[in-house]
């Protein structure tokens, strides 16, 4: 996202100025932690999703 925002025409909405620090730095997120979270997202939250769907089915 950061790379794309910097590549957008500076006159267009969504452009990230070259002087802006990288987005993970601005959000104070460690790059390795973000990579782990992004690549393991489904595995980490799959159980929560199943539990949520089971509760919805029980309530219906």
C-alpha atoms as a PDB file:
ATOM      1  CA  UNK A   1       0.000   0.000   0.000  1.00  0.00           C
ATOM      2  CA  UNK A   2       2.789   2.369   0.900  1.00  0.00           C
ATOM      3  CA  UNK A   3       4.627   1.740  -2.371  1.00  0.00           C
ATOM      4  CA  UNK A   4       1.442   2.206  -4.417  1.00  0.00           C
ATOM      5  CA  UNK A   5       0.596   5.462  -2.630  1.00  0.00           C
ATOM      6  CA  UNK A   6       4.004   6.829  -3.464  1.00  0.00           C
ATOM      7  CA  UNK A   7       3.708   5.774  -7.119  1.00  0.00           C
ATOM      8  CA  UNK A   8       0.375   7.569  -7.634  1.00  0.00           C
ATOM      9  CA  UNK A   9       0.463  10.891  -9.467  1.00  0.00           C
ATOM     10  CA  UNK A  10       1.162  13.621  -6.857  1.00  0.00           C
ATOM     11  CA  UNK A  11      -1.921  15.513  -8.068  1.00  0.00           C
ATOM     12  CA  UNK A  12      -4.225  12.547  -7.334  1.00  0.00           C
ATOM     13  CA  UNK A  13      -6.067  11.703  -4.125  1.00  0.00           C
ATOM     14  CA  UNK A  14      -4.266   9.026  -2.087  1.00  0.00           C
ATOM     15  CA  UNK A  15      -0.762  10.094  -3.031  1.00  0.00           C
ATOM     16  CA  UNK A  16       1.863   9.691  -0.296  1.00  0.00           C
ATOM     17  CA  UNK A  17       4.553  12.345  -0.367  1.00  0.00           C
ATOM     18  CA  UNK A  18       8.116  11.116  -0.742  1.00  0.00           C
ATOM     19  CA  UNK A  19       9.074  12.870   2.514  1.00  0.00           C
ATOM     20  CA  UNK A  20       6.544  10.861   4.556  1.00  0.00           C
ATOM     21  CA  UNK A  21       8.085   7.998   6.557  1.00  0.00           C
ATOM     22  CA  UNK A  22       6.923   4.483   5.597  1.00  0.00           C
ATOM     23  CA  UNK A  23       3.432   3.650   6.840  1.00  0.00           C
ATOM     24  CA  UNK A  24       4.526   0.906   9.229  1.00  0.00           C
ATOM     25  CA  UNK A  25       6.940   3.351  10.839  1.00  0.00           C
ATOM     26  CA  UNK A  26       4.184   5.986  11.174  1.00  0.00           C
ATOM     27  CA  UNK A  27       1.879   3.402  12.765  1.00  0.00           C
ATOM     28  CA  UNK A  28       4.720   2.158  15.007  1.00  0.00           C
ATOM     29  CA  UNK A  29       4.345  -1.412  13.709  1.00  0.00           C
ATOM     30  CA  UNK A  30       7.393  -3.666  13.451  1.00  0.00           C
ATOM     31  CA  UNK A  31       7.799  -4.952   9.865  1.00  0.00           C
ATOM     32  CA  UNK A  32       8.497  -8.534  10.986  1.00  0.00           C
ATOM     33  CA  UNK A  33       5.435  -8.529  13.265  1.00  0.00           C
ATOM     34  CA  UNK A  34       3.295  -7.193  10.402  1.00  0.00           C
ATOM     35  CA  UNK A  35       4.562  -9.862   8.026  1.00  0.00           C
ATOM     36  CA  UNK A  36       3.758 -12.605  10.548  1.00  0.00           C
ATOM     37  CA  UNK A  37       0.294 -11.168  11.183  1.00  0.00           C
ATOM     38  CA  UNK A  38      -0.475 -10.783   7.480  1.00  0.00           C
ATOM     39  CA  UNK A  39       0.724 -14.243   6.446  1.00  0.00           C
ATOM     40  CA  UNK A  40      -0.855 -16.082   9.366  1.00  0.00           C
ATOM     41  CA  UNK A  41      -4.106 -14.107   9.479  1.00  0.00           C
ATOM     42  CA  UNK A  42      -6.412 -16.922   8.429  1.00  0.00           C
ATOM     43  CA  UNK A  43      -4.836 -19.484  10.742  1.00  0.00           C
ATOM     44  CA  UNK A  44      -4.915 -17.078  13.701  1.00  0.00           C
ATOM     45  CA  UNK A  45      -8.562 -16.107  13.328  1.00  0.00           C
ATOM     46  CA  UNK A  46     -10.118 -19.213  11.821  1.00  0.00           C
ATOM     47  CA  UNK A  47     -11.187 -20.587  15.226  1.00  0.00           C
ATOM     48  CA  UNK A  48     -12.835 -17.287  16.182  1.00  0.00           C
ATOM     49  CA  UNK A  49     -14.712 -17.245  12.880  1.00  0.00           C
ATOM     50  CA  UNK A  50     -15.964 -20.801  13.392  1.00  0.00           C
ATOM     51  CA  UNK A  51     -17.143 -19.995  16.909  1.00  0.00           C
ATOM     52  CA  UNK A  52     -18.939 -16.878  15.640  1.00  0.00           C
ATOM     53  CA  UNK A  53     -20.699 -18.832  12.875  1.00  0.00           C
ATOM     54  CA  UNK A  54     -21.696 -21.582  15.311  1.00  0.00           C
ATOM     55  CA  UNK A  55     -23.250 -19.001  17.659  1.00  0.00           C
ATOM     56  CA  UNK A  56     -25.204 -17.446  14.767  1.00  0.00           C
ATOM     57  CA  UNK A  57     -26.549 -20.849  13.740  1.00  0.00           C
ATOM     58  CA  UNK A  58     -27.561 -21.638  17.337  1.00  0.00           C
ATOM     59  CA  UNK A  59     -29.411 -18.337  17.668  1.00  0.00           C
ATOM     60  CA  UNK A  60     -31.396 -18.840  14.445  1.00  0.00           C
END
